[in-house]
């Protein structure tokens, strides 16, 4: 079983954000269609990546993702990142 893998070159490993099953008020959310998951947290970056760091919450282009060793983790090139969420 893989415990950790380091990204290489300009690759970014992103753990997909879990889908909410309940609202903050406790209402159960139903899912009639599968939403594309394009938000996640950076788990590993290659040495050529300059725009994000491990732990950043990012938005990425869904069509550029590659599957990885874990179904909850995708791999994208840095240029596929669309933005970094900022807490204010």
PDB file of N, CA and C in Angstrom:
ATOM      1  N   UNK A   1       0.838  -1.177   0.000  1.00  0.00           N
ATOM      2  CA  UNK A   1       0.000   0.000   0.000  1.00  0.00           C
ATOM      3  C   UNK A   1       0.889   1.250   0.000  1.00  0.00           C
ATOM      4  N   UNK A   2       0.538   2.217  -0.811  1.00  0.00           N
ATOM      5  CA  UNK A   2       1.298   3.456  -0.916  1.00  0.00           C
ATOM      6  C   UNK A   2       0.933   4.375   0.246  1.00  0.00           C
ATOM      7  N   UNK A   3       1.931   4.847   0.985  1.00  0.00           N
ATOM      8  CA  UNK A   3       1.675   5.778   2.083  1.00  0.00           C
ATOM      9  C   UNK A   3       1.861   7.210   1.625  1.00  0.00           C
ATOM     10  N   UNK A   4       2.839   7.443   0.769  1.00  0.00           N
ATOM     11  CA  UNK A   4       3.078   8.786   0.243  1.00  0.00           C
ATOM     12  C   UNK A   4       3.873   8.658  -1.052  1.00  0.00           C
ATOM     13  N   UNK A   5       3.584   9.553  -1.966  1.00  0.00           N
ATOM     14  CA  UNK A   5       4.319   9.591  -3.221  1.00  0.00           C
ATOM     15  C   UNK A   5       4.647  11.048  -3.523  1.00  0.00           C
ATOM     16  N   UNK A   6       5.852  11.320  -3.952  1.00  0.00           N
ATOM     17  CA  UNK A   6       6.256  12.682  -4.281  1.00  0.00           C
ATOM     18  C   UNK A   6       6.000  12.952  -5.756  1.00  0.00           C
ATOM     19  N   UNK A   7       5.395  14.091  -6.045  1.00  0.00           N
ATOM     20  CA  UNK A   7       5.169  14.503  -7.431  1.00  0.00           C
ATOM     21  C   UNK A   7       6.509  14.893  -8.052  1.00  0.00           C
ATOM     22  N   UNK A   8       6.581  14.809  -9.376  1.00  0.00           N
ATOM     23  CA  UNK A   8       7.795  15.210 -10.079  1.00  0.00           C
ATOM     24  C   UNK A   8       7.453  16.293 -11.105  1.00  0.00           C
ATOM     25  N   UNK A   9       8.480  16.968 -11.603  1.00  0.00           N
ATOM     26  CA  UNK A   9       8.382  18.017 -12.619  1.00  0.00           C
ATOM     27  C   UNK A   9       7.326  19.059 -12.235  1.00  0.00           C
ATOM     28  N   UNK A  10       6.359  19.299 -13.108  1.00  0.00           N
ATOM     29  CA  UNK A  10       5.339  20.331 -12.851  1.00  0.00           C
ATOM     30  C   UNK A  10       4.007  19.720 -12.425  1.00  0.00           C
ATOM     31  N   UNK A  11       4.051  18.520 -11.857  1.00  0.00           N
ATOM     32  CA  UNK A  11       2.823  17.823 -11.464  1.00  0.00           C
ATOM     33  C   UNK A  11       2.366  18.259 -10.069  1.00  0.00           C
ATOM     34  N   UNK A  12       1.043  18.232  -9.884  1.00  0.00           N
ATOM     35  CA  UNK A  12       0.423  18.550  -8.605  1.00  0.00           C
ATOM     36  C   UNK A  12      -0.555  17.428  -8.270  1.00  0.00           C
ATOM     37  N   UNK A  13      -0.396  16.827  -7.098  1.00  0.00           N
ATOM     38  CA  UNK A  13      -1.317  15.801  -6.628  1.00  0.00           C
ATOM     39  C   UNK A  13      -2.352  16.491  -5.759  1.00  0.00           C
ATOM     40  N   UNK A  14      -3.635  16.264  -6.070  1.00  0.00           N
ATOM     41  CA  UNK A  14      -4.728  16.942  -5.379  1.00  0.00           C
ATOM     42  C   UNK A  14      -5.691  15.919  -4.794  1.00  0.00           C
ATOM     43  N   UNK A  15      -5.936  16.029  -3.486  1.00  0.00           N
ATOM     44  CA  UNK A  15      -6.955  15.191  -2.836  1.00  0.00           C
ATOM     45  C   UNK A  15      -8.289  15.884  -3.032  1.00  0.00           C
ATOM     46  N   UNK A  16      -9.226  15.184  -3.667  1.00  0.00           N
ATOM     47  CA  UNK A  16     -10.531  15.758  -3.974  1.00  0.00           C
ATOM     48  C   UNK A  16     -11.314  16.084  -2.717  1.00  0.00           C
ATOM     49  N   UNK A  17     -12.030  17.198  -2.780  1.00  0.00           N
ATOM     50  CA  UNK A  17     -12.870  17.609  -1.657  1.00  0.00           C
ATOM     51  C   UNK A  17     -14.059  16.659  -1.559  1.00  0.00           C
ATOM     52  N   UNK A  18     -14.357  16.240  -0.355  1.00  0.00           N
ATOM     53  CA  UNK A  18     -15.498  15.339  -0.147  1.00  0.00           C
ATOM     54  C   UNK A  18     -16.799  16.088  -0.372  1.00  0.00           C
ATOM     55  N   UNK A  19     -17.741  15.401  -0.977  1.00  0.00           N
ATOM     56  CA  UNK A  19     -19.052  15.981  -1.253  1.00  0.00           C
ATOM     57  C   UNK A  19     -19.852  16.076   0.042  1.00  0.00           C
ATOM     58  N   UNK A  20     -20.518  17.211   0.246  1.00  0.00           N
ATOM     59  CA  UNK A  20     -21.324  17.405   1.449  1.00  0.00           C
ATOM     60  C   UNK A  20     -22.579  16.548   1.365  1.00  0.00           C
ATOM     61  N   UNK A  21     -22.882  15.876   2.472  1.00  0.00           N
ATOM     62  CA  UNK A  21     -24.086  15.053   2.547  1.00  0.00           C
ATOM     63  C   UNK A  21     -25.193  15.743   3.325  1.00  0.00           C
ATOM     64  N   UNK A  22     -24.818  16.742   4.142  1.00  0.00           N
ATOM     65  CA  UNK A  22     -25.782  17.486   4.967  1.00  0.00           C
ATOM     66  C   UNK A  22     -25.431  18.972   4.921  1.00  0.00           C
ATOM     67  N   UNK A  23     -26.444  19.801   5.057  1.00  0.00           N
ATOM     68  CA  UNK A  23     -26.189  21.230   5.205  1.00  0.00           C
ATOM     69  C   UNK A  23     -25.784  21.484   6.651  1.00  0.00           C
ATOM     70  N   UNK A  24     -25.346  22.709   6.946  1.00  0.00           N
ATOM     71  CA  UNK A  24     -24.986  23.046   8.327  1.00  0.00           C
ATOM     72  C   UNK A  24     -26.174  22.907   9.260  1.00  0.00           C
ATOM     73  N   UNK A  25     -27.379  23.086   8.731  1.00  0.00           N
ATOM     74  CA  UNK A  25     -28.590  22.950   9.529  1.00  0.00           C
ATOM     75  C   UNK A  25     -29.075  21.515   9.675  1.00  0.00           C
ATOM     76  N   UNK A  26     -28.403  20.560   9.022  1.00  0.00           N
ATOM     77  CA  UNK A  26     -28.753  19.156   9.164  1.00  0.00           C
ATOM     78  C   UNK A  26     -29.623  18.595   8.055  1.00  0.00           C
ATOM     79  N   UNK A  27     -29.937  19.389   7.046  1.00  0.00           N
ATOM     80  CA  UNK A  27     -30.765  18.906   5.939  1.00  0.00           C
ATOM     81  C   UNK A  27     -29.927  17.967   5.069  1.00  0.00           C
ATOM     82  N   UNK A  28     -30.497  16.814   4.750  1.00  0.00           N
ATOM     83  CA  UNK A  28     -29.805  15.837   3.917  1.00  0.00           C
ATOM     84  C   UNK A  28     -29.860  16.299   2.464  1.00  0.00           C
ATOM     85  N   UNK A  29     -28.699  16.326   1.832  1.00  0.00           N
ATOM     86  CA  UNK A  29     -28.618  16.720   0.424  1.00  0.00           C
ATOM     87  C   UNK A  29     -28.690  15.480  -0.449  1.00  0.00           C
ATOM     88  N   UNK A  30     -29.590  15.486  -1.423  1.00  0.00           N
ATOM     89  CA  UNK A  30     -29.671  14.370  -2.364  1.00  0.00           C
ATOM     90  C   UNK A  30     -28.874  14.734  -3.600  1.00  0.00           C
ATOM     91  N   UNK A  31     -28.470  13.723  -4.318  1.00  0.00           N
ATOM     92  CA  UNK A  31     -27.643  13.953  -5.492  1.00  0.00           C
ATOM     93  C   UNK A  31     -28.269  13.242  -6.679  1.00  0.00           C
ATOM     94  N   UNK A  32     -28.952  14.002  -7.527  1.00  0.00           N
ATOM     95  CA  UNK A  32     -29.595  13.416  -8.694  1.00  0.00           C
ATOM     96  C   UNK A  32     -28.642  13.257  -9.866  1.00  0.00           C
ATOM     97  N   UNK A  33     -27.515  13.944  -9.811  1.00  0.00           N
ATOM     98  CA  UNK A  33     -26.506  13.802 -10.854  1.00  0.00           C
ATOM     99  C   UNK A  33     -25.128  13.916 -10.208  1.00  0.00           C
ATOM    100  N   UNK A  34     -24.162  13.353 -10.854  1.00  0.00           N
ATOM    101  CA  UNK A  34     -22.799  13.376 -10.333  1.00  0.00           C
ATOM    102  C   UNK A  34     -22.120  14.672 -10.735  1.00  0.00           C
ATOM    103  N   UNK A  35     -21.815  15.524  -9.763  1.00  0.00           N
ATOM    104  CA  UNK A  35     -21.096  16.764 -10.038  1.00  0.00           C
ATOM    105  C   UNK A  35     -19.637  16.447 -10.332  1.00  0.00           C
ATOM    106  N   UNK A  36     -19.065  17.205 -11.251  1.00  0.00           N
ATOM    107  CA  UNK A  36     -17.653  17.074 -11.517  1.00  0.00           C
ATOM    108  C   UNK A  36     -16.895  17.666 -10.341  1.00  0.00           C
ATOM    109  N   UNK A  37     -15.929  16.945  -9.832  1.00  0.00           N
ATOM    110  CA  UNK A  37     -15.149  17.417  -8.699  1.00  0.00           C
ATOM    111  C   UNK A  37     -13.934  18.184  -9.225  1.00  0.00           C
ATOM    112  N   UNK A  38     -13.909  19.470  -8.956  1.00  0.00           N
ATOM    113  CA  UNK A  38     -12.802  20.279  -9.441  1.00  0.00           C
ATOM    114  C   UNK A  38     -12.150  21.089  -8.324  1.00  0.00           C
ATOM    115  N   UNK A  39     -12.425  20.724  -7.094  1.00  0.00           N
ATOM    116  CA  UNK A  39     -11.836  21.403  -5.944  1.00  0.00           C
ATOM    117  C   UNK A  39     -11.160  20.359  -5.069  1.00  0.00           C
ATOM    118  N   UNK A  40      -9.985  20.698  -4.581  1.00  0.00           N
ATOM    119  CA  UNK A  40      -9.285  19.789  -3.696  1.00  0.00           C
ATOM    120  C   UNK A  40      -8.141  20.472  -2.994  1.00  0.00           C
ATOM    121  N   UNK A  41      -7.427  19.691  -2.202  1.00  0.00           N
ATOM    122  CA  UNK A  41      -6.298  20.196  -1.432  1.00  0.00           C
ATOM    123  C   UNK A  41      -5.016  19.581  -1.980  1.00  0.00           C
ATOM    124  N   UNK A  42      -4.019  20.422  -2.190  1.00  0.00           N
ATOM    125  CA  UNK A  42      -2.736  19.976  -2.734  1.00  0.00           C
ATOM    126  C   UNK A  42      -2.053  19.058  -1.730  1.00  0.00           C
ATOM    127  N   UNK A  43      -1.695  17.858  -2.199  1.00  0.00           N
ATOM    128  CA  UNK A  43      -1.055  16.863  -1.349  1.00  0.00           C
ATOM    129  C   UNK A  43       0.441  16.761  -1.607  1.00  0.00           C
ATOM    130  N   UNK A  44       0.845  16.994  -2.842  1.00  0.00           N
ATOM    131  CA  UNK A  44       2.256  16.900  -3.201  1.00  0.00           C
ATOM    132  C   UNK A  44       2.487  17.739  -4.449  1.00  0.00           C
ATOM    133  N   UNK A  45       3.657  18.382  -4.533  1.00  0.00           N
ATOM    134  CA  UNK A  45       3.994  19.173  -5.719  1.00  0.00           C
ATOM    135  C   UNK A  45       5.376  18.788  -6.215  1.00  0.00           C
ATOM    136  N   UNK A  46       5.562  18.903  -7.525  1.00  0.00           N
ATOM    137  CA  UNK A  46       6.861  18.655  -8.109  1.00  0.00           C
ATOM    138  C   UNK A  46       7.787  19.846  -7.905  1.00  0.00           C
ATOM    139  N   UNK A  47       9.081  19.658  -8.140  1.00  0.00           N
ATOM    140  CA  UNK A  47      10.059  20.723  -7.911  1.00  0.00           C
ATOM    141  C   UNK A  47       9.904  21.928  -8.840  1.00  0.00           C
ATOM    142  N   UNK A  48       9.226  21.775  -9.962  1.00  0.00           N
ATOM    143  CA  UNK A  48       9.047  22.889 -10.904  1.00  0.00           C
ATOM    144  C   UNK A  48       7.800  23.724 -10.615  1.00  0.00           C
ATOM    145  N   UNK A  49       6.996  23.324  -9.645  1.00  0.00           N
ATOM    146  CA  UNK A  49       5.753  24.040  -9.319  1.00  0.00           C
ATOM    147  C   UNK A  49       6.078  25.256  -8.457  1.00  0.00           C
ATOM    148  N   UNK A  50       5.577  26.417  -8.877  1.00  0.00           N
ATOM    149  CA  UNK A  50       5.881  27.665  -8.172  1.00  0.00           C
ATOM    150  C   UNK A  50       4.643  28.372  -7.608  1.00  0.00           C
ATOM    151  N   UNK A  51       3.447  28.052  -8.105  1.00  0.00           N
ATOM    152  CA  UNK A  51       2.266  28.852  -7.763  1.00  0.00           C
ATOM    153  C   UNK A  51       1.461  28.346  -6.575  1.00  0.00           C
ATOM    154  N   UNK A  52       1.709  27.121  -6.120  1.00  0.00           N
ATOM    155  CA  UNK A  52       0.963  26.576  -4.981  1.00  0.00           C
ATOM    156  C   UNK A  52       1.911  25.825  -4.055  1.00  0.00           C
ATOM    157  N   UNK A  53       1.399  25.564  -2.846  1.00  0.00           N
ATOM    158  CA  UNK A  53       2.174  24.769  -1.892  1.00  0.00           C
ATOM    159  C   UNK A  53       1.271  23.674  -1.322  1.00  0.00           C
ATOM    160  N   UNK A  54       1.869  22.703  -0.694  1.00  0.00           N
ATOM    161  CA  UNK A  54       1.114  21.623  -0.072  1.00  0.00           C
ATOM    162  C   UNK A  54       0.168  22.227   0.963  1.00  0.00           C
ATOM    163  N   UNK A  55      -1.083  21.789   0.937  1.00  0.00           N
ATOM    164  CA  UNK A  55      -2.096  22.280   1.864  1.00  0.00           C
ATOM    165  C   UNK A  55      -3.012  23.329   1.268  1.00  0.00           C
ATOM    166  N   UNK A  56      -2.633  23.925   0.118  1.00  0.00           N
ATOM    167  CA  UNK A  56      -3.491  24.914  -0.534  1.00  0.00           C
ATOM    168  C   UNK A  56      -4.753  24.256  -1.069  1.00  0.00           C
ATOM    169  N   UNK A  57      -5.880  24.946  -0.939  1.00  0.00           N
ATOM    170  CA  UNK A  57      -7.140  24.494  -1.530  1.00  0.00           C
ATOM    171  C   UNK A  57      -7.225  25.129  -2.915  1.00  0.00           C
ATOM    172  N   UNK A  58      -7.378  24.296  -3.958  1.00  0.00           N
ATOM    173  CA  UNK A  58      -7.296  24.791  -5.329  1.00  0.00           C
ATOM    174  C   UNK A  58      -8.501  24.399  -6.169  1.00  0.00           C
ATOM    175  N   UNK A  59      -8.697  25.175  -7.228  1.00  0.00           N
ATOM    176  CA  UNK A  59      -9.678  24.897  -8.265  1.00  0.00           C
ATOM    177  C   UNK A  59      -8.876  24.490  -9.486  1.00  0.00           C
ATOM    178  N   UNK A  60      -9.275  23.403 -10.147  1.00  0.00           N
ATOM    179  CA  UNK A  60      -8.505  22.946 -11.304  1.00  0.00           C
ATOM    180  C   UNK A  60      -9.424  22.548 -12.444  1.00  0.00           C
ATOM    181  N   UNK A  61      -8.840  22.426 -13.614  1.00  0.00           N
ATOM    182  CA  UNK A  61      -9.570  22.088 -14.834  1.00  0.00           C
ATOM    183  C   UNK A  61      -9.817  20.587 -14.862  1.00  0.00           C
ATOM    184  N   UNK A  62     -11.084  20.185 -14.876  1.00  0.00           N
ATOM    185  CA  UNK A  62     -11.472  18.778 -14.752  1.00  0.00           C
ATOM    186  C   UNK A  62     -10.953  17.899 -15.895  1.00  0.00           C
ATOM    187  N   UNK A  63     -10.846  18.445 -17.092  1.00  0.00           N
ATOM    188  CA  UNK A  63     -10.474  17.615 -18.240  1.00  0.00           C
ATOM    189  C   UNK A  63      -8.985  17.318 -18.309  1.00  0.00           C
ATOM    190  N   UNK A  64      -8.193  17.947 -17.461  1.00  0.00           N
ATOM    191  CA  UNK A  64      -6.744  17.718 -17.459  1.00  0.00           C
ATOM    192  C   UNK A  64      -6.286  16.761 -16.373  1.00  0.00           C
ATOM    193  N   UNK A  65      -7.209  16.234 -15.594  1.00  0.00           N
ATOM    194  CA  UNK A  65      -6.804  15.376 -14.475  1.00  0.00           C
ATOM    195  C   UNK A  65      -6.475  13.966 -14.938  1.00  0.00           C
ATOM    196  N   UNK A  66      -5.565  13.346 -14.206  1.00  0.00           N
ATOM    197  CA  UNK A  66      -5.203  11.948 -14.419  1.00  0.00           C
ATOM    198  C   UNK A  66      -5.492  11.192 -13.130  1.00  0.00           C
ATOM    199  N   UNK A  67      -5.912   9.937 -13.223  1.00  0.00           N
ATOM    200  CA  UNK A  67      -6.125   9.151 -12.002  1.00  0.00           C
ATOM    201  C   UNK A  67      -4.780   8.848 -11.345  1.00  0.00           C
ATOM    202  N   UNK A  68      -4.825   8.427 -10.083  1.00  0.00           N
ATOM    203  CA  UNK A  68      -3.587   8.112  -9.380  1.00  0.00           C
ATOM    204  C   UNK A  68      -3.737   6.814  -8.602  1.00  0.00           C
ATOM    205  N   UNK A  69      -2.853   6.610  -7.671  1.00  0.00           N
ATOM    206  CA  UNK A  69      -2.836   5.423  -6.822  1.00  0.00           C
ATOM    207  C   UNK A  69      -4.046   5.344  -5.895  1.00  0.00           C
ATOM    208  N   UNK A  70      -4.742   6.464  -5.721  1.00  0.00           N
ATOM    209  CA  UNK A  70      -5.866   6.568  -4.797  1.00  0.00           C
ATOM    210  C   UNK A  70      -7.039   7.201  -5.552  1.00  0.00           C
ATOM    211  N   UNK A  71      -8.246   6.636  -5.499  1.00  0.00           N
ATOM    212  CA  UNK A  71      -9.379   7.202  -6.238  1.00  0.00           C
ATOM    213  C   UNK A  71      -9.774   8.608  -5.781  1.00  0.00           C
ATOM    214  N   UNK A  72      -9.330   9.019  -4.597  1.00  0.00           N
ATOM    215  CA  UNK A  72      -9.641  10.355  -4.091  1.00  0.00           C
ATOM    216  C   UNK A  72      -8.560  11.377  -4.436  1.00  0.00           C
ATOM    217  N   UNK A  73      -7.513  10.941  -5.144  1.00  0.00           N
ATOM    218  CA  UNK A  73      -6.406  11.831  -5.512  1.00  0.00           C
ATOM    219  C   UNK A  73      -6.277  11.865  -7.024  1.00  0.00           C
ATOM    220  N   UNK A  74      -6.150  13.073  -7.580  1.00  0.00           N
ATOM    221  CA  UNK A  74      -5.920  13.225  -9.016  1.00  0.00           C
ATOM    222  C   UNK A  74      -4.585  13.953  -9.220  1.00  0.00           C
ATOM    223  N   UNK A  75      -4.068  13.828 -10.426  1.00  0.00           N
ATOM    224  CA  UNK A  75      -2.806  14.469 -10.776  1.00  0.00           C
ATOM    225  C   UNK A  75      -3.076  15.431 -11.921  1.00  0.00           C
ATOM    226  N   UNK A  76      -2.595  16.662 -11.788  1.00  0.00           N
ATOM    227  CA  UNK A  76      -2.706  17.646 -12.862  1.00  0.00           C
ATOM    228  C   UNK A  76      -1.361  18.344 -13.023  1.00  0.00           C
ATOM    229  N   UNK A  77      -1.169  18.965 -14.176  1.00  0.00           N
ATOM    230  CA  UNK A  77       0.000  19.828 -14.373  1.00  0.00           C
ATOM    231  C   UNK A  77      -0.314  21.180 -13.749  1.00  0.00           C
ATOM    232  N   UNK A  78       0.700  21.898 -13.354  1.00  0.00           N
ATOM    233  CA  UNK A  78       0.492  23.201 -12.722  1.00  0.00           C
ATOM    234  C   UNK A  78      -0.342  24.123 -13.601  1.00  0.00           C
ATOM    235  N   UNK A  79      -0.171  24.072 -14.907  1.00  0.00           N
ATOM    236  CA  UNK A  79      -0.916  24.966 -15.805  1.00  0.00           C
ATOM    237  C   UNK A  79      -2.422  24.678 -15.824  1.00  0.00           C
ATOM    238  N   UNK A  80      -2.839  23.528 -15.288  1.00  0.00           N
ATOM    239  CA  UNK A  80      -4.265  23.194 -15.217  1.00  0.00           C
ATOM    240  C   UNK A  80      -4.950  23.781 -13.987  1.00  0.00           C
ATOM    241  N   UNK A  81      -4.169  24.361 -13.089  1.00  0.00           N
ATOM    242  CA  UNK A  81      -4.747  24.996 -11.905  1.00  0.00           C
ATOM    243  C   UNK A  81      -5.373  26.307 -12.325  1.00  0.00           C
ATOM    244  N   UNK A  82      -6.585  26.559 -11.838  1.00  0.00           N
ATOM    245  CA  UNK A  82      -7.318  27.770 -12.203  1.00  0.00           C
ATOM    246  C   UNK A  82      -7.284  28.825 -11.102  1.00  0.00           C
ATOM    247  N   UNK A  83      -7.055  28.395  -9.863  1.00  0.00           N
ATOM    248  CA  UNK A  83      -7.008  29.359  -8.775  1.00  0.00           C
ATOM    249  C   UNK A  83      -6.750  28.688  -7.438  1.00  0.00           C
ATOM    250  N   UNK A  84      -6.394  29.538  -6.464  1.00  0.00           N
ATOM    251  CA  UNK A  84      -6.147  29.093  -5.094  1.00  0.00           C
ATOM    252  C   UNK A  84      -7.136  29.823  -4.203  1.00  0.00           C
ATOM    253  N   UNK A  85      -7.854  29.082  -3.359  1.00  0.00           N
ATOM    254  CA  UNK A  85      -8.817  29.704  -2.440  1.00  0.00           C
ATOM    255  C   UNK A  85      -8.052  30.411  -1.326  1.00  0.00           C
ATOM    256  N   UNK A  86      -8.572  31.592  -0.951  1.00  0.00           N
ATOM    257  CA  UNK A  86      -7.949  32.393   0.092  1.00  0.00           C
ATOM    258  C   UNK A  86      -8.966  32.606   1.202  1.00  0.00           C
ATOM    259  N   UNK A  87      -8.591  32.275   2.437  1.00  0.00           N
ATOM    260  CA  UNK A  87      -9.465  32.522   3.584  1.00  0.00           C
ATOM    261  C   UNK A  87      -9.332  33.972   3.992  1.00  0.00           C
ATOM    262  N   UNK A  88     -10.460  34.624   4.171  1.00  0.00           N
ATOM    263  CA  UNK A  88     -10.413  36.028   4.597  1.00  0.00           C
ATOM    264  C   UNK A  88     -11.125  36.212   5.902  1.00  0.00           C
TER     265      UNK A  88
END
